[in-house]
Amino acid sequence: MPNDYNKNRIIKNSALLYVRMLFTMWLNLWTTRLVLANLGVEDMGVYGVVGSIVNMFMILTSGVGTAIQRFITFEMGKKDGNPNSIFCSSLNVIFILSIFVLVLLEVVGLWFLNNKVNIPEASISTAQWVFQLSVLTCIINVISIPYNALVIAHEKMSAFAFISIIQVILTFSSAYFLSYFDNRLLFYAIFMALISILIRIIYQIYCVAKFPEAQYHFFINTEQIKQLLKFAGVSTTSGILQVISSQGVTFVINWTFGVAINAVYTIALQLKNSILSFAQNIQKAIAPQITKTYASGEIELHKKLIYSGSKMQVFMIFFIMIPFLFRTEYIMQLWLGTPPKHTVEFMQCIIFLSLMYASFEPIRTAVLATNRITKFMLIPDIANLLALPLSYIIGKITGEPEYLIFFIVTFEILACILRIYYATKVSVIKTKDIISNVISRSILVALLSSTVCYFLAKHTEASLLGLIILLIINSISLCGIIFIVGLTKYEKVQITKLIQNLRK
């Protein structure tokens, strides 16, 4: 796997994913507006509640999805690998899992819908149909997991981006044409199910046509299935602990400060997810190569991908984070009109959490490649649960929401540091290399860029034009700072070669 091949593939895939993200983000915002206008608040609320019930059970599939992605990518990186065997074993596991999830949804999920959810009398019958269509959509998405994993493992981000764009266009079209129907809630659920079926068919046709390992043959490889289930069990347990932790924070905030601060926290999480999606396109492009280089024994290249990936994701966050910190109040007014009290403080705390998550993802991928994940995943997640009672106590003692969110973010960062500690025990990652290659250079870039942005903020108005000028000049200066002090000598050479190739 030559270095130039890696570099060119990562750059191409990152660019494709950014184009996809910009297009889908814009169209999704418009789609949400159309759905709200056509369904109304009540029907949209019913759809959201029914979807939440189904999504609660999807946590059972997230661990299997992670396991399948890891094992298929790892097998493709091995010189004597047999990805078709892993693919077939994965489908066997998925078929069993889909039946299990279907039974759970039809028994437990349906009971919960009928007995524990407050739905208007006139919408009960429609809600029942919406639930069944949502279950169908869920099962189809579960069965699609091995095919999606194949596309990502082959690093065919052009296909992944193209199919994602088709899906978001179809979803937008469904929202637009809802106005021509009477029972709009039911038809919206029907459209969503049909779109899932169509996307599932497209993925399968593409994989069978392009990848020889996508040919399914029924056979039982007990050793492979055992490894998949063990990995999936740990990953699923970690996912459940993370859901308890994240949802627990919502309840802690509610018990200490009420629904007003819950709304502020929800807005802050939306910001975090948007910023992470901006940075993690690099992660999607680089993750398969991190796994493949480990499987093929190219350890030096493997380490370069980890450290460079972590650092580049941090730098991508800086493009948003640093101007945001100096113009938080104005950006909040621009976005929300009159932001609720404490919004600025919550946003500034949460953006640091986004920075930590982004930098950590390549390290997480490296550990998943080793298949030694139990302590790495479970011990920090269990430790993170301690934040719930402690943050409740801090909230009650101080009576200030800012102290509560600051403590929660600090505890999350400490849990991330604990994960890095366990990562150094099971992978090729070394603490001194993380400090010298990622942390020290990131801090230096942040300090220099913040100084530049501070003086820019002092000499530009808090207006839309001033914000645009600040973003443009800060981005240009940040690019120069990153190149001068943020990159290693090897990375500078690669960037210089890339610029020369682009000029040609």
Protein backbone atom coordinates (compact mmCIF):
# COMPACT_ATOMS: atom_id res chain seq x y z
CA MET A 1 0.00 0.00 0.00
CA PRO A 2 2.21 2.88 -1.25
CA ASN A 3 2.15 6.20 0.57
CA ASP A 4 1.05 8.16 -2.52
CA TYR A 5 -1.85 5.78 -3.02
CA ASN A 6 -2.97 6.32 0.59
CA LYS A 7 -2.58 10.09 0.37
CA ASN A 8 -4.47 10.46 -2.91
CA ARG A 9 -7.26 8.12 -1.83
CA ILE A 10 -7.75 9.94 1.48
CA ILE A 11 -7.81 13.39 -0.16
CA LYS A 12 -10.24 12.28 -2.87
CA ASN A 13 -12.57 10.55 -0.40
CA SER A 14 -12.46 13.48 2.04
CA ALA A 15 -13.40 15.89 -0.76
CA LEU A 16 -16.30 13.68 -1.88
CA LEU A 17 -17.60 13.37 1.67
CA TYR A 18 -17.43 17.14 2.21
CA VAL A 19 -19.43 17.77 -0.97
CA ARG A 20 -21.95 15.18 0.20
CA MET A 21 -22.14 16.74 3.67
CA LEU A 22 -22.71 20.29 2.39
CA PHE A 23 -25.43 19.18 -0.01
CA THR A 24 -27.24 16.83 2.40
CA MET A 25 -27.03 19.31 5.31
CA TRP A 26 -28.65 22.04 3.22
CA LEU A 27 -31.36 19.76 1.81
CA ASN A 28 -32.08 18.15 5.19
CA LEU A 29 -32.74 21.57 6.73
CA TRP A 30 -35.20 22.34 3.94
CA THR A 31 -36.78 18.88 4.27
CA THR A 32 -37.38 19.39 8.01
CA ARG A 33 -39.16 22.66 7.24
CA LEU A 34 -41.40 20.99 4.62
CA VAL A 35 -42.23 18.05 6.90
CA LEU A 36 -43.21 20.39 9.72
CA ALA A 37 -45.35 22.49 7.37
CA ASN A 38 -47.12 19.48 5.82
CA LEU A 39 -47.54 17.28 8.90
CA GLY A 40 -48.04 19.95 11.52
CA VAL A 41 -46.64 19.92 15.03
CA GLU A 42 -48.95 17.17 16.33
CA ASP A 43 -48.40 14.61 13.53
CA MET A 44 -44.69 15.33 13.43
CA GLY A 45 -44.61 14.73 17.18
CA VAL A 46 -46.40 11.39 16.74
CA TYR A 47 -43.90 10.34 14.06
CA GLY A 48 -41.03 11.38 16.30
CA VAL A 49 -42.35 9.42 19.29
CA VAL A 50 -42.96 6.27 17.23
CA GLY A 51 -39.50 6.62 15.70
CA SER A 52 -37.95 6.98 19.15
CA ILE A 53 -39.47 3.67 20.26
CA VAL A 54 -37.97 1.89 17.25
CA ASN A 55 -34.63 3.67 17.65
CA MET A 56 -34.36 2.47 21.27
CA PHE A 57 -33.97 -1.06 19.95
CA MET A 58 -31.49 -0.03 17.25
CA ILE A 59 -28.81 0.18 19.97
CA LEU A 60 -28.78 -3.64 19.77
CA THR A 61 -27.55 -3.40 16.18
CA SER A 62 -24.93 -0.66 16.55
CA GLY A 63 -22.36 -3.01 18.07
CA VAL A 64 -22.87 -5.58 15.33
CA GLY A 65 -22.44 -2.87 12.69
CA THR A 66 -19.12 -1.80 14.22
CA ALA A 67 -17.98 -5.43 14.42
CA ILE A 68 -18.87 -6.21 10.80
CA GLN A 69 -17.13 -3.04 9.56
CA ARG A 70 -13.98 -3.91 11.49
CA PHE A 71 -13.77 -7.58 10.47
CA ILE A 72 -14.49 -7.02 6.76
CA THR A 73 -11.98 -4.15 6.53
CA PHE A 74 -9.36 -6.12 8.50
CA GLU A 75 -9.79 -9.18 6.30
CA MET A 76 -9.36 -7.07 3.15
CA GLY A 77 -6.10 -5.66 4.56
CA LYS A 78 -4.61 -9.14 5.13
CA LYS A 79 -2.46 -10.53 2.35
CA ASP A 80 -4.20 -13.91 2.55
CA GLY A 81 -7.58 -12.60 3.73
CA ASN A 82 -10.96 -14.09 2.79
CA PRO A 83 -13.49 -11.22 2.99
CA ASN A 84 -16.23 -13.34 1.36
CA SER A 85 -16.17 -15.70 4.34
CA ILE A 86 -16.54 -12.78 6.76
CA PHE A 87 -19.30 -11.28 4.60
CA CYS A 88 -21.31 -14.50 4.59
CA SER A 89 -20.82 -14.99 8.34
CA SER A 90 -21.91 -11.38 8.86
CA LEU A 91 -25.11 -11.91 6.91
CA ASN A 92 -25.86 -15.03 8.98
CA VAL A 93 -25.47 -12.99 12.16
CA ILE A 94 -27.56 -10.15 10.72
CA PHE A 95 -30.42 -12.46 9.73
CA ILE A 96 -30.58 -13.86 13.26
CA LEU A 97 -30.30 -10.39 14.80
CA SER A 98 -33.04 -8.97 12.56
CA ILE A 99 -35.46 -11.72 13.64
CA PHE A 100 -34.62 -11.04 17.30
CA VAL A 101 -35.13 -7.27 16.88
CA LEU A 102 -38.38 -7.85 14.97
CA VAL A 103 -39.81 -10.00 17.78
CA LEU A 104 -38.74 -7.45 20.42
CA LEU A 105 -40.32 -4.58 18.51
CA GLU A 106 -43.58 -6.42 17.88
CA VAL A 107 -43.90 -7.50 21.51
CA VAL A 108 -42.18 -4.95 23.76
CA GLY A 109 -42.21 -1.98 21.36
CA LEU A 110 -45.88 -2.37 20.44
CA TRP A 111 -46.85 -2.76 24.11
CA PHE A 112 -44.94 0.40 24.97
CA LEU A 113 -46.68 2.29 22.14
CA ASN A 114 -50.14 1.15 23.25
CA ASN A 115 -49.72 1.61 26.99
CA LYS A 116 -47.00 4.15 27.79
CA VAL A 117 -47.13 6.76 25.03
CA ASN A 118 -49.54 9.69 25.08
CA ILE A 119 -50.99 9.90 21.53
CA PRO A 120 -54.11 11.89 20.54
CA GLU A 121 -57.18 9.70 20.11
CA ALA A 122 -57.60 10.61 16.45
CA SER A 123 -54.03 9.54 15.62
CA ILE A 124 -53.92 6.14 17.38
CA SER A 125 -54.88 4.07 14.32
CA THR A 126 -52.42 5.92 12.09
CA ALA A 127 -49.71 5.60 14.75
CA GLN A 128 -50.14 1.81 14.67
CA TRP A 129 -49.51 1.76 10.92
CA VAL A 130 -46.61 4.18 11.25
CA PHE A 131 -45.08 1.88 13.87
CA GLN A 132 -45.29 -1.17 11.57
CA LEU A 133 -43.77 0.78 8.67
CA SER A 134 -41.01 2.06 10.96
CA VAL A 135 -40.29 -1.53 12.04
CA LEU A 136 -40.05 -2.54 8.38
CA THR A 137 -37.64 0.34 7.73
CA CYS A 138 -35.57 -0.67 10.77
CA ILE A 139 -35.23 -4.31 9.68
CA ILE A 140 -34.28 -3.28 6.13
CA ASN A 141 -31.57 -0.98 7.50
CA VAL A 142 -30.23 -3.79 9.70
CA ILE A 143 -29.98 -6.19 6.74
CA SER A 144 -28.12 -3.49 4.77
CA ILE A 145 -25.26 -3.28 7.31
CA PRO A 146 -22.87 -5.80 5.64
CA TYR A 147 -23.35 -4.17 2.21
CA ASN A 148 -22.69 -0.69 3.59
CA ALA A 149 -19.61 -2.08 5.34
CA LEU A 150 -18.29 -3.48 2.05
CA VAL A 151 -18.60 -0.10 0.31
CA ILE A 152 -16.70 1.67 3.11
CA ALA A 153 -14.08 -1.11 3.39
CA HIS A 154 -13.38 -0.77 -0.34
CA GLU A 155 -13.15 3.01 0.22
CA LYS A 156 -15.69 3.64 -2.54
CA MET A 157 -16.76 6.95 -1.04
CA SER A 158 -17.97 8.14 -4.45
CA ALA A 159 -20.65 5.43 -4.38
CA PHE A 160 -21.38 6.07 -0.70
CA ALA A 161 -21.77 9.81 -1.34
CA PHE A 162 -23.85 9.29 -4.50
CA ILE A 163 -26.27 6.86 -2.83
CA SER A 164 -26.57 9.16 0.21
CA ILE A 165 -27.43 12.06 -2.09
CA ILE A 166 -30.07 9.94 -3.86
CA GLN A 167 -31.57 9.09 -0.46
CA VAL A 168 -31.74 12.69 0.73
CA ILE A 169 -33.25 13.85 -2.61
CA LEU A 170 -35.93 11.15 -2.36
CA THR A 171 -36.64 12.14 1.25
CA PHE A 172 -36.95 15.78 0.22
CA SER A 173 -39.28 14.84 -2.65
CA SER A 174 -41.46 12.83 -0.27
CA ALA A 175 -41.73 15.81 2.08
CA TYR A 176 -42.60 18.10 -0.84
CA PHE A 177 -45.35 15.88 -2.31
CA LEU A 178 -47.02 15.29 1.07
CA SER A 179 -49.23 18.31 0.43
CA TYR A 180 -51.07 16.30 -2.28
CA PHE A 181 -52.30 13.63 0.18
CA ASP A 182 -54.93 13.58 2.91
CA ASN A 183 -53.52 11.26 5.60
CA ARG A 184 -50.07 12.80 5.38
CA LEU A 185 -48.58 11.08 8.42
CA LEU A 186 -49.35 7.62 7.03
CA PHE A 187 -48.08 8.46 3.55
CA TYR A 188 -44.89 9.96 4.95
CA ALA A 189 -44.18 6.67 6.80
CA ILE A 190 -44.94 4.74 3.58
CA PHE A 191 -42.53 6.93 1.62
CA MET A 192 -39.77 6.44 4.20
CA ALA A 193 -40.20 2.65 4.06
CA LEU A 194 -40.15 2.62 0.24
CA ILE A 195 -37.02 4.77 0.18
CA SER A 196 -35.28 2.36 2.58
CA ILE A 197 -36.21 -0.60 0.37
CA LEU A 198 -34.96 1.19 -2.75
CA ILE A 199 -31.65 2.21 -1.15
CA ARG A 200 -31.21 -1.36 0.15
CA ILE A 201 -31.69 -2.69 -3.42
CA ILE A 202 -29.22 -0.14 -4.85
CA TYR A 203 -26.54 -1.08 -2.30
CA GLN A 204 -27.01 -4.80 -2.97
CA ILE A 205 -26.91 -4.41 -6.77
CA TYR A 206 -23.80 -2.22 -6.56
CA CYS A 207 -21.96 -4.56 -4.18
CA VAL A 208 -22.78 -7.72 -6.14
CA ALA A 209 -21.72 -6.05 -9.41
CA LYS A 210 -18.48 -4.52 -8.07
CA PHE A 211 -17.21 -6.78 -5.28
CA PRO A 212 -16.69 -10.54 -5.74
CA GLU A 213 -16.82 -11.09 -1.96
CA ALA A 214 -20.47 -9.88 -1.96
CA GLN A 215 -21.65 -13.26 -3.31
CA TYR A 216 -23.57 -14.93 -0.50
CA HIS A 217 -23.08 -18.66 0.12
CA PHE A 218 -24.77 -20.32 3.03
CA PHE A 219 -22.26 -21.92 5.36
CA ILE A 220 -21.53 -21.80 9.06
CA ASN A 221 -18.09 -20.71 10.26
CA THR A 222 -18.53 -20.98 14.01
CA GLU A 223 -15.15 -19.41 14.81
CA GLN A 224 -15.85 -16.29 12.74
CA ILE A 225 -19.38 -15.95 14.13
CA LYS A 226 -18.02 -16.37 17.67
CA GLN A 227 -15.46 -13.59 17.12
CA LEU A 228 -18.08 -11.31 15.56
CA LEU A 229 -20.51 -11.85 18.42
CA LYS A 230 -17.84 -11.33 21.08
CA PHE A 231 -16.73 -8.05 19.50
CA ALA A 232 -20.36 -7.00 18.97
CA GLY A 233 -21.25 -7.87 22.57
CA VAL A 234 -18.56 -5.58 23.99
CA SER A 235 -19.39 -2.81 21.49
CA THR A 236 -23.12 -3.05 22.20
CA THR A 237 -22.56 -2.98 25.96
CA SER A 238 -20.42 0.12 25.50
CA GLY A 239 -23.17 1.68 23.38
CA ILE A 240 -25.80 0.98 26.04
CA LEU A 241 -23.59 2.53 28.74
CA GLN A 242 -23.07 5.60 26.57
CA VAL A 243 -26.82 5.94 26.00
CA ILE A 244 -27.46 5.69 29.76
CA SER A 245 -24.78 8.32 30.37
CA SER A 246 -25.96 10.75 27.68
CA GLN A 247 -29.66 10.37 28.48
CA GLY A 248 -28.85 10.52 32.18
CA VAL A 249 -27.34 13.98 31.72
CA THR A 250 -30.67 15.13 30.27
CA PHE A 251 -32.51 13.92 33.38
CA VAL A 252 -29.91 15.42 35.74
CA ILE A 253 -30.32 18.81 34.06
CA ASN A 254 -34.10 18.44 34.23
CA TRP A 255 -34.09 17.54 37.93
CA THR A 256 -31.74 20.37 38.87
CA PHE A 257 -32.70 23.27 36.57
CA GLY A 258 -35.86 22.31 34.64
CA VAL A 259 -36.88 22.15 30.99
CA ALA A 260 -35.49 25.59 30.07
CA ILE A 261 -31.92 24.39 30.59
CA ASN A 262 -32.83 21.09 28.87
CA ALA A 263 -33.60 23.17 25.76
CA VAL A 264 -30.21 24.91 26.04
CA TYR A 265 -28.45 21.54 26.36
CA THR A 266 -30.33 20.16 23.33
CA ILE A 267 -29.22 23.15 21.24
CA ALA A 268 -25.63 22.64 22.43
CA LEU A 269 -25.75 18.98 21.37
CA GLN A 270 -26.97 20.01 17.90
CA LEU A 271 -23.94 22.28 17.63
CA LYS A 272 -21.63 19.47 18.76
CA ASN A 273 -23.03 17.03 16.19
CA SER A 274 -22.78 19.59 13.38
CA ILE A 275 -19.15 20.40 14.21
CA LEU A 276 -18.24 16.72 14.49
CA SER A 277 -19.82 15.96 11.12
CA PHE A 278 -17.60 18.70 9.64
CA ALA A 279 -14.41 17.14 11.03
CA GLN A 280 -15.18 13.45 10.80
CA ASN A 281 -15.37 13.26 7.03
CA ILE A 282 -11.59 12.90 7.33
CA GLN A 283 -12.20 10.03 9.76
CA LYS A 284 -14.49 8.21 7.32
CA ALA A 285 -11.86 8.53 4.61
CA ILE A 286 -8.91 7.47 6.76
CA ALA A 287 -10.47 4.76 8.99
CA PRO A 288 -10.38 1.88 6.45
CA GLN A 289 -6.68 2.49 5.79
CA ILE A 290 -5.88 2.55 9.51
CA THR A 291 -7.41 -0.93 9.82
CA LYS A 292 -5.89 -2.27 6.59
CA THR A 293 -2.34 -1.12 7.37
CA TYR A 294 -2.52 -2.82 10.76
CA ALA A 295 -3.83 -6.04 9.17
CA SER A 296 -1.06 -6.02 6.53
CA GLY A 297 1.68 -5.32 9.09
CA GLU A 298 2.59 -1.84 7.77
CA ILE A 299 2.98 -0.49 11.30
CA GLU A 300 4.94 2.69 10.51
CA LEU A 301 2.37 3.80 7.94
CA HIS A 302 -0.35 2.73 10.39
CA LYS A 303 1.04 5.07 13.07
CA LYS A 304 1.44 7.96 10.62
CA LEU A 305 -2.22 7.62 9.63
CA ILE A 306 -3.34 7.64 13.28
CA TYR A 307 -1.35 10.70 14.35
CA SER A 308 -1.92 12.67 11.15
CA GLY A 309 -5.64 11.80 11.21
CA SER A 310 -6.04 12.94 14.83
CA LYS A 311 -4.18 16.15 14.17
CA MET A 312 -6.02 17.00 10.95
CA GLN A 313 -9.40 16.51 12.63
CA VAL A 314 -8.32 18.90 15.40
CA PHE A 315 -7.24 21.46 12.80
CA MET A 316 -10.60 21.16 11.01
CA ILE A 317 -12.38 21.90 14.30
CA PHE A 318 -10.13 24.96 14.79
CA PHE A 319 -11.53 26.55 11.60
CA ILE A 320 -14.94 26.71 13.33
CA MET A 321 -14.04 26.70 17.02
CA ILE A 322 -11.63 29.64 17.26
CA PRO A 323 -13.82 32.25 15.46
CA PHE A 324 -16.85 30.85 17.32
CA LEU A 325 -15.26 31.48 20.73
CA PHE A 326 -14.68 35.17 19.85
CA ARG A 327 -18.13 35.69 18.30
CA THR A 328 -20.33 33.29 20.27
CA GLU A 329 -22.99 35.82 21.28
CA TYR A 330 -23.44 37.21 17.78
CA ILE A 331 -23.53 33.73 16.17
CA MET A 332 -26.16 32.63 18.69
CA GLN A 333 -28.28 35.69 17.89
CA LEU A 334 -27.86 35.03 14.17
CA TRP A 335 -28.89 31.38 14.58
CA LEU A 336 -31.56 31.53 17.28
CA GLY A 337 -32.73 35.13 17.31
CA THR A 338 -32.91 35.62 21.07
CA PRO A 339 -30.97 32.71 22.58
CA PRO A 340 -32.09 31.38 25.99
CA LYS A 341 -30.09 32.35 29.05
CA HIS A 342 -26.88 30.30 29.61
CA THR A 343 -26.74 29.29 25.91
CA VAL A 344 -23.39 31.01 25.27
CA GLU A 345 -21.67 29.27 28.20
CA PHE A 346 -23.09 25.85 27.24
CA MET A 347 -21.96 26.29 23.63
CA GLN A 348 -18.43 27.27 24.58
CA CYS A 349 -18.08 24.23 26.86
CA ILE A 350 -19.57 21.77 24.37
CA ILE A 351 -17.29 22.89 21.53
CA PHE A 352 -14.26 21.68 23.54
CA LEU A 353 -15.96 18.29 23.81
CA SER A 354 -16.30 18.20 20.02
CA LEU A 355 -12.57 18.85 19.77
CA MET A 356 -11.76 15.90 22.05
CA TYR A 357 -14.13 13.51 20.25
CA ALA A 358 -12.73 14.41 16.83
CA SER A 359 -9.10 13.95 17.84
CA PHE A 360 -9.89 10.62 19.50
CA GLU A 361 -11.61 8.84 16.59
CA PRO A 362 -8.45 7.65 14.71
CA ILE A 363 -7.13 6.25 18.02
CA ARG A 364 -10.41 4.42 18.53
CA THR A 365 -10.17 2.94 15.01
CA ALA A 366 -6.63 1.76 15.74
CA VAL A 367 -7.78 -0.06 18.89
CA LEU A 368 -10.74 -1.65 17.09
CA ALA A 369 -8.28 -2.99 14.52
CA THR A 370 -6.46 -4.92 17.26
CA ASN A 371 -9.67 -6.64 18.47
CA ARG A 372 -8.51 -6.03 22.08
CA ILE A 373 -11.33 -3.72 23.04
CA THR A 374 -12.90 -4.87 26.31
CA LYS A 375 -11.05 -2.68 28.84
CA PHE A 376 -10.64 0.13 26.32
CA MET A 377 -14.40 0.42 25.79
CA LEU A 378 -16.05 -0.68 29.02
CA ILE A 379 -13.92 0.73 31.88
CA PRO A 380 -14.10 4.39 30.70
CA ASP A 381 -17.84 4.05 29.98
CA ILE A 382 -18.49 2.66 33.46
CA ALA A 383 -16.33 5.41 34.99
CA ASN A 384 -18.25 8.02 33.02
CA LEU A 385 -21.48 7.00 34.79
CA LEU A 386 -20.03 8.57 37.96
CA ALA A 387 -20.55 11.95 36.32
CA LEU A 388 -24.33 11.60 36.75
CA PRO A 389 -24.59 11.64 40.58
CA LEU A 390 -21.62 14.01 40.93
CA SER A 391 -23.03 16.53 38.44
CA TYR A 392 -26.41 16.35 40.20
CA ILE A 393 -24.70 17.21 43.51
CA ILE A 394 -22.75 20.07 41.90
CA GLY A 395 -25.90 21.43 40.29
CA LYS A 396 -27.77 21.36 43.60
CA ILE A 397 -24.93 22.89 45.62
CA THR A 398 -24.00 25.70 43.22
CA GLY A 399 -27.40 26.42 41.69
CA GLU A 400 -25.56 27.47 38.52
CA PRO A 401 -26.04 25.58 35.21
CA GLU A 402 -22.60 26.71 34.00
CA TYR A 403 -20.83 24.78 36.76
CA LEU A 404 -22.86 21.67 35.93
CA ILE A 405 -22.05 21.67 32.19
CA PHE A 406 -18.41 22.52 32.88
CA PHE A 407 -18.14 19.51 35.19
CA ILE A 408 -19.89 17.19 32.70
CA VAL A 409 -17.56 18.24 29.86
CA THR A 410 -14.48 17.95 32.10
CA PHE A 411 -15.52 14.45 33.18
CA GLU A 412 -16.07 13.43 29.54
CA ILE A 413 -12.58 14.66 28.66
CA LEU A 414 -11.09 12.70 31.58
CA ALA A 415 -12.92 9.56 30.38
CA CYS A 416 -11.43 10.15 26.92
CA ILE A 417 -7.94 10.43 28.45
CA LEU A 418 -8.61 7.11 30.25
CA ARG A 419 -9.48 5.54 26.89
CA ILE A 420 -6.21 6.82 25.42
CA TYR A 421 -4.37 5.25 28.37
CA TYR A 422 -5.90 1.84 27.59
CA ALA A 423 -5.25 2.41 23.88
CA THR A 424 -1.52 2.66 24.59
CA LYS A 425 -1.71 -0.73 26.37
CA VAL A 426 -3.25 -2.68 23.47
CA SER A 427 -2.09 -0.90 20.29
CA VAL A 428 1.06 0.56 18.74
CA ILE A 429 0.14 4.04 20.01
CA LYS A 430 2.59 5.61 22.47
CA THR A 431 1.81 8.44 24.92
CA LYS A 432 4.98 10.38 24.06
CA ASP A 433 4.14 10.18 20.34
CA ILE A 434 0.62 11.51 20.96
CA ILE A 435 2.05 14.41 22.98
CA SER A 436 4.77 15.29 20.46
CA ASN A 437 2.87 14.61 17.22
CA VAL A 438 -0.67 15.70 18.13
CA ILE A 439 -1.11 17.56 21.44
CA SER A 440 1.91 19.90 21.43
CA ARG A 441 1.47 20.95 17.79
CA SER A 442 -2.31 21.39 18.23
CA ILE A 443 -1.81 23.61 21.30
CA LEU A 444 0.78 25.73 19.47
CA VAL A 445 -1.51 26.18 16.47
CA ALA A 446 -4.44 27.04 18.78
CA LEU A 447 -2.45 29.69 20.69
CA LEU A 448 -1.12 31.41 17.56
CA SER A 449 -4.44 31.28 15.74
CA SER A 450 -6.35 32.53 18.81
CA THR A 451 -3.98 35.50 19.06
CA VAL A 452 -4.62 36.39 15.41
CA CYS A 453 -8.37 35.91 15.81
CA TYR A 454 -8.42 38.05 18.98
CA PHE A 455 -6.95 41.04 17.14
CA LEU A 456 -9.24 40.43 14.15
CA ALA A 457 -12.28 40.37 16.46
CA LYS A 458 -11.12 43.64 18.03
CA HIS A 459 -11.03 45.38 14.63
CA THR A 460 -14.16 43.91 12.98
CA GLU A 461 -17.78 44.64 13.77
CA ALA A 462 -20.15 42.07 15.29
CA SER A 463 -22.19 41.94 12.09
CA LEU A 464 -22.72 39.46 9.26
CA LEU A 465 -20.12 41.20 7.09
CA GLY A 466 -17.72 41.39 10.03
CA LEU A 467 -18.22 37.68 10.74
CA ILE A 468 -17.55 36.76 7.10
CA ILE A 469 -14.37 38.88 7.06
CA LEU A 470 -13.26 37.32 10.35
CA LEU A 471 -13.84 33.79 9.03
CA ILE A 472 -12.02 34.39 5.75
CA ILE A 473 -8.95 36.12 7.20
CA ASN A 474 -8.75 33.71 10.14
CA SER A 475 -8.99 30.69 7.80
CA ILE A 476 -6.18 32.01 5.60
CA SER A 477 -3.94 32.73 8.58
CA LEU A 478 -4.81 29.38 10.17
CA CYS A 479 -3.75 27.54 7.00
CA GLY A 480 -0.36 29.27 7.18
CA ILE A 481 0.04 28.58 10.90
CA ILE A 482 -0.86 24.91 10.44
CA PHE A 483 1.68 24.51 7.63
CA ILE A 484 4.49 26.27 9.51
CA VAL A 485 4.12 24.85 13.05
CA GLY A 486 1.39 22.20 12.87
CA LEU A 487 2.85 19.75 10.37
CA THR A 488 5.84 17.45 10.56
CA LYS A 489 8.58 17.60 7.93
CA TYR A 490 7.13 14.50 6.23
CA GLU A 491 3.62 16.04 6.16
CA LYS A 492 4.97 19.31 4.70
CA VAL A 493 6.63 17.37 1.89
CA GLN A 494 3.39 15.53 1.13
CA ILE A 495 1.36 18.76 1.13
CA THR A 496 3.91 20.46 -1.14
CA LYS A 497 3.73 17.54 -3.59
CA LEU A 498 -0.06 17.73 -3.53
CA ILE A 499 -0.04 21.47 -4.32
CA GLN A 500 2.42 20.90 -7.17
CA ASN A 501 0.20 18.15 -8.60
CA LEU A 502 -2.86 20.37 -8.38
CA ARG A 503 -1.04 23.15 -10.23
CA LYS A 504 -0.10 20.72 -13.00
